[in-house]
Amino acid sequence: MKSQNYTVTTTASLLIAAAPSNRTIYIHVLGNGTVYLGGSDVTSANGLVTEKGAVPFEMQLPANESVYAVASVTEQVRILRPSNDGN
């Protein structure tokens, strides 16, 4: 497994790039705010919500799919993903 830190801002940004295989990804918000997950068009109105008080968010990410994130204030998130996923 590989862990990485990311900064999520008010502009949707790539959190997890597409890879050729299915993966289990864990996402944990480190700050006190809310992070919204989705596609490249993610917003606070259409994104899947995760926040610090939640347990790390477990996601089954299909092959060739990406995850983007946006927050209402700058937030730090930590990602845990397979080390052999090509990214």
PDB file of N, CA and C in Angstrom:
ATOM      1  N   MET A   1       0.850  -1.180   0.000  1.00  0.00           N
ATOM      2  CA  MET A   1       0.000   0.000   0.000  1.00  0.00           C
ATOM      3  C   MET A   1       0.891   1.238   0.000  1.00  0.00           C
ATOM      4  N   LYS A   2       0.343   2.303  -0.499  1.00  0.00           N
ATOM      5  CA  LYS A   2       1.053   3.573  -0.593  1.00  0.00           C
ATOM      6  C   LYS A   2       0.160   4.660  -0.009  1.00  0.00           C
ATOM      7  N   SER A   3       0.712   5.482   0.882  1.00  0.00           N
ATOM      8  CA  SER A   3      -0.057   6.595   1.436  1.00  0.00           C
ATOM      9  C   SER A   3       0.495   7.902   0.890  1.00  0.00           C
ATOM     10  N   GLN A   4      -0.428   8.840   0.668  1.00  0.00           N
ATOM     11  CA  GLN A   4      -0.056  10.146   0.139  1.00  0.00           C
ATOM     12  C   GLN A   4      -0.935  11.209   0.769  1.00  0.00           C
ATOM     13  N   ASN A   5      -0.379  12.402   0.918  1.00  0.00           N
ATOM     14  CA  ASN A   5      -1.128  13.551   1.400  1.00  0.00           C
ATOM     15  C   ASN A   5      -1.477  14.447   0.227  1.00  0.00           C
ATOM     16  N   TYR A   6      -2.676  15.025   0.275  1.00  0.00           N
ATOM     17  CA  TYR A   6      -3.132  15.935  -0.768  1.00  0.00           C
ATOM     18  C   TYR A   6      -3.771  17.156  -0.127  1.00  0.00           C
ATOM     19  N   THR A   7      -3.701  18.259  -0.822  1.00  0.00           N
ATOM     20  CA  THR A   7      -4.412  19.463  -0.429  1.00  0.00           C
ATOM     21  C   THR A   7      -5.599  19.620  -1.363  1.00  0.00           C
ATOM     22  N   VAL A   8      -6.778  19.747  -0.788  1.00  0.00           N
ATOM     23  CA  VAL A   8      -8.010  19.929  -1.559  1.00  0.00           C
ATOM     24  C   VAL A   8      -8.465  21.369  -1.350  1.00  0.00           C
ATOM     25  N   THR A   9      -8.768  22.056  -2.442  1.00  0.00           N
ATOM     26  CA  THR A   9      -9.175  23.458  -2.372  1.00  0.00           C
ATOM     27  C   THR A   9     -10.602  23.617  -2.889  1.00  0.00           C
ATOM     28  N   THR A  10     -10.985  24.851  -3.131  1.00  0.00           N
ATOM     29  CA  THR A  10     -12.333  25.150  -3.613  1.00  0.00           C
ATOM     30  C   THR A  10     -12.495  24.864  -5.103  1.00  0.00           C
ATOM     31  N   THR A  11     -11.433  24.496  -5.773  1.00  0.00           N
ATOM     32  CA  THR A  11     -11.477  24.111  -7.182  1.00  0.00           C
ATOM     33  C   THR A  11     -11.313  22.596  -7.280  1.00  0.00           C
ATOM     34  N   ALA A  12     -12.174  21.951  -8.037  1.00  0.00           N
ATOM     35  CA  ALA A  12     -12.084  20.492  -8.187  1.00  0.00           C
ATOM     36  C   ALA A  12     -10.696  20.109  -8.698  1.00  0.00           C
ATOM     37  N   SER A  13     -10.067  19.158  -8.019  1.00  0.00           N
ATOM     38  CA  SER A  13      -8.737  18.717  -8.427  1.00  0.00           C
ATOM     39  C   SER A  13      -8.659  17.198  -8.374  1.00  0.00           C
ATOM     40  N   LEU A  14      -7.786  16.654  -9.215  1.00  0.00           N
ATOM     41  CA  LEU A  14      -7.616  15.207  -9.300  1.00  0.00           C
ATOM     42  C   LEU A  14      -7.018  14.680  -8.003  1.00  0.00           C
ATOM     43  N   LEU A  15      -7.695  13.730  -7.406  1.00  0.00           N
ATOM     44  CA  LEU A  15      -7.236  13.117  -6.166  1.00  0.00           C
ATOM     45  C   LEU A  15      -6.615  11.746  -6.461  1.00  0.00           C
ATOM     46  N   ILE A  16      -7.271  10.969  -7.314  1.00  0.00           N
ATOM     47  CA  ILE A  16      -6.794   9.633  -7.669  1.00  0.00           C
ATOM     48  C   ILE A  16      -6.939   9.469  -9.178  1.00  0.00           C
ATOM     49  N   ALA A  17      -5.823   9.279  -9.855  1.00  0.00           N
ATOM     50  CA  ALA A  17      -5.833   9.124 -11.308  1.00  0.00           C
ATOM     51  C   ALA A  17      -6.334   7.742 -11.704  1.00  0.00           C
ATOM     52  N   ALA A  18      -6.817   7.634 -12.921  1.00  0.00           N
ATOM     53  CA  ALA A  18      -7.283   6.359 -13.469  1.00  0.00           C
ATOM     54  C   ALA A  18      -6.123   5.372 -13.548  1.00  0.00           C
ATOM     55  N   ALA A  19      -6.455   4.090 -13.401  1.00  0.00           N
ATOM     56  CA  ALA A  19      -5.478   3.001 -13.523  1.00  0.00           C
ATOM     57  C   ALA A  19      -6.159   1.847 -14.250  1.00  0.00           C
ATOM     58  N   PRO A  20      -5.391   0.933 -14.790  1.00  0.00           N
ATOM     59  CA  PRO A  20      -5.974  -0.141 -15.601  1.00  0.00           C
ATOM     60  C   PRO A  20      -6.666  -1.265 -14.820  1.00  0.00           C
ATOM     61  N   SER A  21      -6.666  -1.197 -13.501  1.00  0.00           N
ATOM     62  CA  SER A  21      -7.291  -2.278 -12.722  1.00  0.00           C
ATOM     63  C   SER A  21      -8.205  -1.715 -11.633  1.00  0.00           C
ATOM     64  N   ASN A  22      -9.078  -2.549 -11.099  1.00  0.00           N
ATOM     65  CA  ASN A  22      -9.930  -2.176  -9.964  1.00  0.00           C
ATOM     66  C   ASN A  22      -9.046  -2.006  -8.735  1.00  0.00           C
ATOM     67  N   ARG A  23      -9.440  -1.077  -7.847  1.00  0.00           N
ATOM     68  CA  ARG A  23      -8.650  -0.828  -6.645  1.00  0.00           C
ATOM     69  C   ARG A  23      -9.546  -0.526  -5.459  1.00  0.00           C
ATOM     70  N   THR A  24      -9.036  -0.814  -4.272  1.00  0.00           N
ATOM     71  CA  THR A  24      -9.666  -0.363  -3.038  1.00  0.00           C
ATOM     72  C   THR A  24      -8.860   0.823  -2.551  1.00  0.00           C
ATOM     73  N   ILE A  25      -9.535   1.951  -2.367  1.00  0.00           N
ATOM     74  CA  ILE A  25      -8.900   3.209  -1.977  1.00  0.00           C
ATOM     75  C   ILE A  25      -9.491   3.648  -0.639  1.00  0.00           C
ATOM     76  N   TYR A  26      -8.660   4.182   0.237  1.00  0.00           N
ATOM     77  CA  TYR A  26      -9.120   4.749   1.507  1.00  0.00           C
ATOM     78  C   TYR A  26      -8.792   6.236   1.514  1.00  0.00           C
ATOM     79  N   ILE A  27      -9.770   7.056   1.899  1.00  0.00           N
ATOM     80  CA  ILE A  27      -9.610   8.507   1.933  1.00  0.00           C
ATOM     81  C   ILE A  27      -9.976   8.988   3.333  1.00  0.00           C
ATOM     82  N   HIS A  28      -9.086   9.796   3.932  1.00  0.00           N
ATOM     83  CA  HIS A  28      -9.345  10.316   5.273  1.00  0.00           C
ATOM     84  C   HIS A  28      -9.092  11.821   5.281  1.00  0.00           C
ATOM     85  N   VAL A  29     -10.079  12.596   5.724  1.00  0.00           N
ATOM     86  CA  VAL A  29      -9.946  14.048   5.828  1.00  0.00           C
ATOM     87  C   VAL A  29      -9.209  14.367   7.120  1.00  0.00           C
ATOM     88  N   LEU A  30      -8.124  15.140   7.028  1.00  0.00           N
ATOM     89  CA  LEU A  30      -7.330  15.489   8.206  1.00  0.00           C
ATOM     90  C   LEU A  30      -7.781  16.777   8.864  1.00  0.00           C
ATOM     91  N   GLY A  31      -8.326  17.702   8.077  1.00  0.00           N
ATOM     92  CA  GLY A  31      -8.777  18.978   8.615  1.00  0.00           C
ATOM     93  C   GLY A  31     -10.156  18.852   9.247  1.00  0.00           C
ATOM     94  N   ASN A  32     -10.739  19.961   9.643  1.00  0.00           N
ATOM     95  CA  ASN A  32     -12.032  19.951  10.320  1.00  0.00           C
ATOM     96  C   ASN A  32     -13.221  20.173   9.401  1.00  0.00           C
ATOM     97  N   GLY A  33     -12.973  20.339   8.110  1.00  0.00           N
ATOM     98  CA  GLY A  33     -14.050  20.630   7.178  1.00  0.00           C
ATOM     99  C   GLY A  33     -14.554  19.415   6.437  1.00  0.00           C
ATOM    100  N   THR A  34     -15.298  19.689   5.394  1.00  0.00           N
ATOM    101  CA  THR A  34     -15.931  18.664   4.576  1.00  0.00           C
ATOM    102  C   THR A  34     -15.287  18.635   3.206  1.00  0.00           C
ATOM    103  N   VAL A  35     -15.103  17.427   2.685  1.00  0.00           N
ATOM    104  CA  VAL A  35     -14.560  17.231   1.340  1.00  0.00           C
ATOM    105  C   VAL A  35     -15.616  16.493   0.526  1.00  0.00           C
ATOM    106  N   TYR A  36     -15.777  16.905  -0.727  1.00  0.00           N
ATOM    107  CA  TYR A  36     -16.760  16.313  -1.629  1.00  0.00           C
ATOM    108  C   TYR A  36     -16.015  15.558  -2.726  1.00  0.00           C
ATOM    109  N   LEU A  37     -16.410  14.310  -2.963  1.00  0.00           N
ATOM    110  CA  LEU A  37     -15.745  13.447  -3.923  1.00  0.00           C
ATOM    111  C   LEU A  37     -16.648  13.207  -5.126  1.00  0.00           C
ATOM    112  N   GLY A  38     -16.039  13.075  -6.304  1.00  0.00           N
ATOM    113  CA  GLY A  38     -16.825  12.784  -7.498  1.00  0.00           C
ATOM    114  C   GLY A  38     -15.961  12.808  -8.737  1.00  0.00           C
ATOM    115  N   GLY A  39     -16.596  13.088  -9.856  1.00  0.00           N
ATOM    116  CA  GLY A  39     -15.902  13.199 -11.131  1.00  0.00           C
ATOM    117  C   GLY A  39     -15.295  14.575 -11.301  1.00  0.00           C
ATOM    118  N   SER A  40     -14.820  14.851 -12.498  1.00  0.00           N
ATOM    119  CA  SER A  40     -14.146  16.135 -12.748  1.00  0.00           C
ATOM    120  C   SER A  40     -15.080  17.329 -12.567  1.00  0.00           C
ATOM    121  N   ASP A  41     -16.380  17.091 -12.551  1.00  0.00           N
ATOM    122  CA  ASP A  41     -17.360  18.164 -12.367  1.00  0.00           C
ATOM    123  C   ASP A  41     -17.878  18.256 -10.934  1.00  0.00           C
ATOM    124  N   VAL A  42     -17.169  17.657  -9.980  1.00  0.00           N
ATOM    125  CA  VAL A  42     -17.649  17.613  -8.594  1.00  0.00           C
ATOM    126  C   VAL A  42     -17.793  19.010  -8.003  1.00  0.00           C
ATOM    127  N   THR A  43     -18.866  19.187  -7.231  1.00  0.00           N
ATOM    128  CA  THR A  43     -19.117  20.415  -6.480  1.00  0.00           C
ATOM    129  C   THR A  43     -19.678  20.014  -5.117  1.00  0.00           C
ATOM    130  N   SER A  44     -19.889  20.992  -4.255  1.00  0.00           N
ATOM    131  CA  SER A  44     -20.512  20.696  -2.966  1.00  0.00           C
ATOM    132  C   SER A  44     -21.975  20.296  -3.141  1.00  0.00           C
ATOM    133  N   ALA A  45     -22.563  20.608  -4.275  1.00  0.00           N
ATOM    134  CA  ALA A  45     -23.960  20.267  -4.530  1.00  0.00           C
ATOM    135  C   ALA A  45     -24.147  18.844  -5.057  1.00  0.00           C
ATOM    136  N   ASN A  46     -23.104  18.269  -5.684  1.00  0.00           N
ATOM    137  CA  ASN A  46     -23.296  16.942  -6.275  1.00  0.00           C
ATOM    138  C   ASN A  46     -22.289  15.895  -5.797  1.00  0.00           C
ATOM    139  N   GLY A  47     -21.329  16.281  -4.966  1.00  0.00           N
ATOM    140  CA  GLY A  47     -20.292  15.356  -4.538  1.00  0.00           C
ATOM    141  C   GLY A  47     -20.689  14.483  -3.366  1.00  0.00           C
ATOM    142  N   LEU A  48     -20.013  13.362  -3.239  1.00  0.00           N
ATOM    143  CA  LEU A  48     -20.175  12.459  -2.111  1.00  0.00           C
ATOM    144  C   LEU A  48     -19.410  13.052  -0.931  1.00  0.00           C
ATOM    145  N   VAL A  49     -20.053  13.187   0.212  1.00  0.00           N
ATOM    146  CA  VAL A  49     -19.496  13.900   1.362  1.00  0.00           C
ATOM    147  C   VAL A  49     -18.651  12.980   2.240  1.00  0.00           C
ATOM    148  N   THR A  50     -17.484  13.479   2.656  1.00  0.00           N
ATOM    149  CA  THR A  50     -16.705  12.839   3.706  1.00  0.00           C
ATOM    150  C   THR A  50     -16.086  13.954   4.546  1.00  0.00           C
ATOM    151  N   GLU A  51     -15.840  13.682   5.801  1.00  0.00           N
ATOM    152  CA  GLU A  51     -15.293  14.696   6.696  1.00  0.00           C
ATOM    153  C   GLU A  51     -14.441  14.049   7.772  1.00  0.00           C
ATOM    154  N   LYS A  52     -13.753  14.881   8.556  1.00  0.00           N
ATOM    155  CA  LYS A  52     -12.812  14.378   9.551  1.00  0.00           C
ATOM    156  C   LYS A  52     -13.443  13.418  10.544  1.00  0.00           C
ATOM    157  N   GLY A  53     -14.630  13.713  11.012  1.00  0.00           N
ATOM    158  CA  GLY A  53     -15.264  12.867  12.014  1.00  0.00           C
ATOM    159  C   GLY A  53     -15.630  11.478  11.503  1.00  0.00           C
ATOM    160  N   ALA A  54     -15.631  11.318  10.187  1.00  0.00           N
ATOM    161  CA  ALA A  54     -15.975  10.021   9.594  1.00  0.00           C
ATOM    162  C   ALA A  54     -14.756   9.098   9.640  1.00  0.00           C
ATOM    163  N   VAL A  55     -15.035   7.807   9.686  1.00  0.00           N
ATOM    164  CA  VAL A  55     -13.936   6.847   9.563  1.00  0.00           C
ATOM    165  C   VAL A  55     -13.351   7.017   8.162  1.00  0.00           C
ATOM    166  N   PRO A  56     -12.132   6.557   7.932  1.00  0.00           N
ATOM    167  CA  PRO A  56     -11.608   6.664   6.564  1.00  0.00           C
ATOM    168  C   PRO A  56     -12.608   6.075   5.568  1.00  0.00           C
ATOM    169  N   PHE A  57     -12.847   6.817   4.512  1.00  0.00           N
ATOM    170  CA  PHE A  57     -13.815   6.445   3.492  1.00  0.00           C
ATOM    171  C   PHE A  57     -13.204   5.363   2.606  1.00  0.00           C
ATOM    172  N   GLU A  58     -13.854   4.207   2.530  1.00  0.00           N
ATOM    173  CA  GLU A  58     -13.375   3.107   1.683  1.00  0.00           C
ATOM    174  C   GLU A  58     -14.129   3.140   0.364  1.00  0.00           C
ATOM    175  N   MET A  59     -13.384   3.091  -0.735  1.00  0.00           N
ATOM    176  CA  MET A  59     -13.991   3.181  -2.054  1.00  0.00           C
ATOM    177  C   MET A  59     -13.473   2.056  -2.942  1.00  0.00           C
ATOM    178  N   GLN A  60     -14.387   1.381  -3.619  1.00  0.00           N
ATOM    179  CA  GLN A  60     -14.023   0.407  -4.639  1.00  0.00           C
ATOM    180  C   GLN A  60     -14.009   1.168  -5.955  1.00  0.00           C
ATOM    181  N   LEU A  61     -12.832   1.436  -6.467  1.00  0.00           N
ATOM    182  CA  LEU A  61     -12.684   2.253  -7.662  1.00  0.00           C
ATOM    183  C   LEU A  61     -12.491   1.353  -8.878  1.00  0.00           C
ATOM    184  N   PRO A  62     -13.439   1.391  -9.824  1.00  0.00           N
ATOM    185  CA  PRO A  62     -13.324   0.552 -11.011  1.00  0.00           C
ATOM    186  C   PRO A  62     -12.130   0.952 -11.887  1.00  0.00           C
ATOM    187  N   ALA A  63     -11.726   0.021 -12.722  1.00  0.00           N
ATOM    188  CA  ALA A  63     -10.631   0.287 -13.663  1.00  0.00           C
ATOM    189  C   ALA A  63     -10.972   1.499 -14.526  1.00  0.00           C
ATOM    190  N   ASN A  64      -9.966   2.285 -14.830  1.00  0.00           N
ATOM    191  CA  ASN A  64     -10.060   3.438 -15.726  1.00  0.00           C
ATOM    192  C   ASN A  64     -10.946   4.570 -15.209  1.00  0.00           C
ATOM    193  N   GLU A  65     -11.191   4.606 -13.912  1.00  0.00           N
ATOM    194  CA  GLU A  65     -11.962   5.689 -13.297  1.00  0.00           C
ATOM    195  C   GLU A  65     -11.064   6.538 -12.405  1.00  0.00           C
ATOM    196  N   SER A  66     -11.352   7.836 -12.342  1.00  0.00           N
ATOM    197  CA  SER A  66     -10.608   8.792 -11.518  1.00  0.00           C
ATOM    198  C   SER A  66     -11.522   9.349 -10.436  1.00  0.00           C
ATOM    199  N   VAL A  67     -10.920   9.926  -9.406  1.00  0.00           N
ATOM    200  CA  VAL A  67     -11.680  10.595  -8.351  1.00  0.00           C
ATOM    201  C   VAL A  67     -11.150  12.016  -8.220  1.00  0.00           C
ATOM    202  N   TYR A  68     -12.061  12.961  -8.187  1.00  0.00           N
ATOM    203  CA  TYR A  68     -11.742  14.369  -7.969  1.00  0.00           C
ATOM    204  C   TYR A  68     -12.323  14.788  -6.630  1.00  0.00           C
ATOM    205  N   ALA A  69     -11.801  15.862  -6.068  1.00  0.00           N
ATOM    206  CA  ALA A  69     -12.293  16.356  -4.784  1.00  0.00           C
ATOM    207  C   ALA A  69     -12.341  17.873  -4.784  1.00  0.00           C
ATOM    208  N   VAL A  70     -13.241  18.403  -3.979  1.00  0.00           N
ATOM    209  CA  VAL A  70     -13.379  19.839  -3.779  1.00  0.00           C
ATOM    210  C   VAL A  70     -13.799  20.054  -2.328  1.00  0.00           C
ATOM    211  N   ALA A  71     -13.455  21.209  -1.767  1.00  0.00           N
ATOM    212  CA  ALA A  71     -13.830  21.543  -0.391  1.00  0.00           C
ATOM    213  C   ALA A  71     -14.248  23.004  -0.340  1.00  0.00           C
ATOM    214  N   SER A  72     -15.011  23.368   0.667  1.00  0.00           N
ATOM    215  CA  SER A  72     -15.435  24.766   0.798  1.00  0.00           C
ATOM    216  C   SER A  72     -14.313  25.634   1.356  1.00  0.00           C
ATOM    217  N   VAL A  73     -13.374  25.022   2.072  1.00  0.00           N
ATOM    218  CA  VAL A  73     -12.137  25.678   2.519  1.00  0.00           C
ATOM    219  C   VAL A  73     -11.002  24.689   2.248  1.00  0.00           C
ATOM    220  N   THR A  74      -9.785  25.149   2.205  1.00  0.00           N
ATOM    221  CA  THR A  74      -8.658  24.256   1.935  1.00  0.00           C
ATOM    222  C   THR A  74      -8.557  23.184   3.011  1.00  0.00           C
ATOM    223  N   GLU A  75      -8.484  21.926   2.592  1.00  0.00           N
ATOM    224  CA  GLU A  75      -8.422  20.785   3.498  1.00  0.00           C
ATOM    225  C   GLU A  75      -7.275  19.866   3.110  1.00  0.00           C
ATOM    226  N   GLN A  76      -6.767  19.165   4.079  1.00  0.00           N
ATOM    227  CA  GLN A  76      -5.753  18.141   3.843  1.00  0.00           C
ATOM    228  C   GLN A  76      -6.430  16.777   3.914  1.00  0.00           C
ATOM    229  N   VAL A  77      -6.105  15.914   2.962  1.00  0.00           N
ATOM    230  CA  VAL A  77      -6.621  14.551   2.989  1.00  0.00           C
ATOM    231  C   VAL A  77      -5.462  13.583   2.824  1.00  0.00           C
ATOM    232  N   ARG A  78      -5.648  12.390   3.328  1.00  0.00           N
ATOM    233  CA  ARG A  78      -4.661  11.334   3.185  1.00  0.00           C
ATOM    234  C   ARG A  78      -5.318  10.191   2.418  1.00  0.00           C
ATOM    235  N   ILE A  79      -4.584   9.667   1.446  1.00  0.00           N
ATOM    236  CA  ILE A  79      -5.060   8.573   0.605  1.00  0.00           C
ATOM    237  C   ILE A  79      -4.201   7.347   0.869  1.00  0.00           C
ATOM    238  N   LEU A  80      -4.829   6.193   0.971  1.00  0.00           N
ATOM    239  CA  LEU A  80      -4.124   4.919   1.041  1.00  0.00           C
ATOM    240  C   LEU A  80      -4.608   4.103  -0.142  1.00  0.00           C
ATOM    241  N   ARG A  81      -3.670   3.665  -0.985  1.00  0.00           N
ATOM    242  CA  ARG A  81      -4.033   2.943  -2.203  1.00  0.00           C
ATOM    243  C   ARG A  81      -3.000   1.873  -2.503  1.00  0.00           C
ATOM    244  N   PRO A  82      -3.309   0.929  -3.383  1.00  0.00           N
ATOM    245  CA  PRO A  82      -2.333  -0.105  -3.718  1.00  0.00           C
ATOM    246  C   PRO A  82      -1.067   0.507  -4.307  1.00  0.00           C
ATOM    247  N   SER A  83       0.069  -0.026  -3.931  1.00  0.00           N
ATOM    248  CA  SER A  83       1.325   0.523  -4.437  1.00  0.00           C
ATOM    249  C   SER A  83       1.583   0.137  -5.885  1.00  0.00           C
ATOM    250  N   ASN A  84       0.871  -0.838  -6.402  1.00  0.00           N
ATOM    251  CA  ASN A  84       1.105  -1.289  -7.773  1.00  0.00           C
ATOM    252  C   ASN A  84       0.010  -0.849  -8.727  1.00  0.00           C
ATOM    253  N   ASP A  85      -0.695   0.253  -8.430  1.00  0.00           N
ATOM    254  CA  ASP A  85      -1.805   0.657  -9.302  1.00  0.00           C
ATOM    255  C   ASP A  85      -1.386   1.524 -10.469  1.00  0.00           C
ATOM    256  N   GLY A  86      -0.098   1.724 -10.649  1.00  0.00           N
ATOM    257  CA  GLY A  86       0.389   2.450 -11.818  1.00  0.00           C
ATOM    258  C   GLY A  86       0.458   3.955 -11.665  1.00  0.00           C
ATOM    259  N   ASN A  87       0.128   4.502 -10.501  1.00  0.00           N
ATOM    260  CA  ASN A  87       0.177   5.960 -10.299  1.00  0.00           C
ATOM    261  C   ASN A  87       1.116   6.310  -9.173  1.00  0.00           C
TER     262      ASN A  87
END
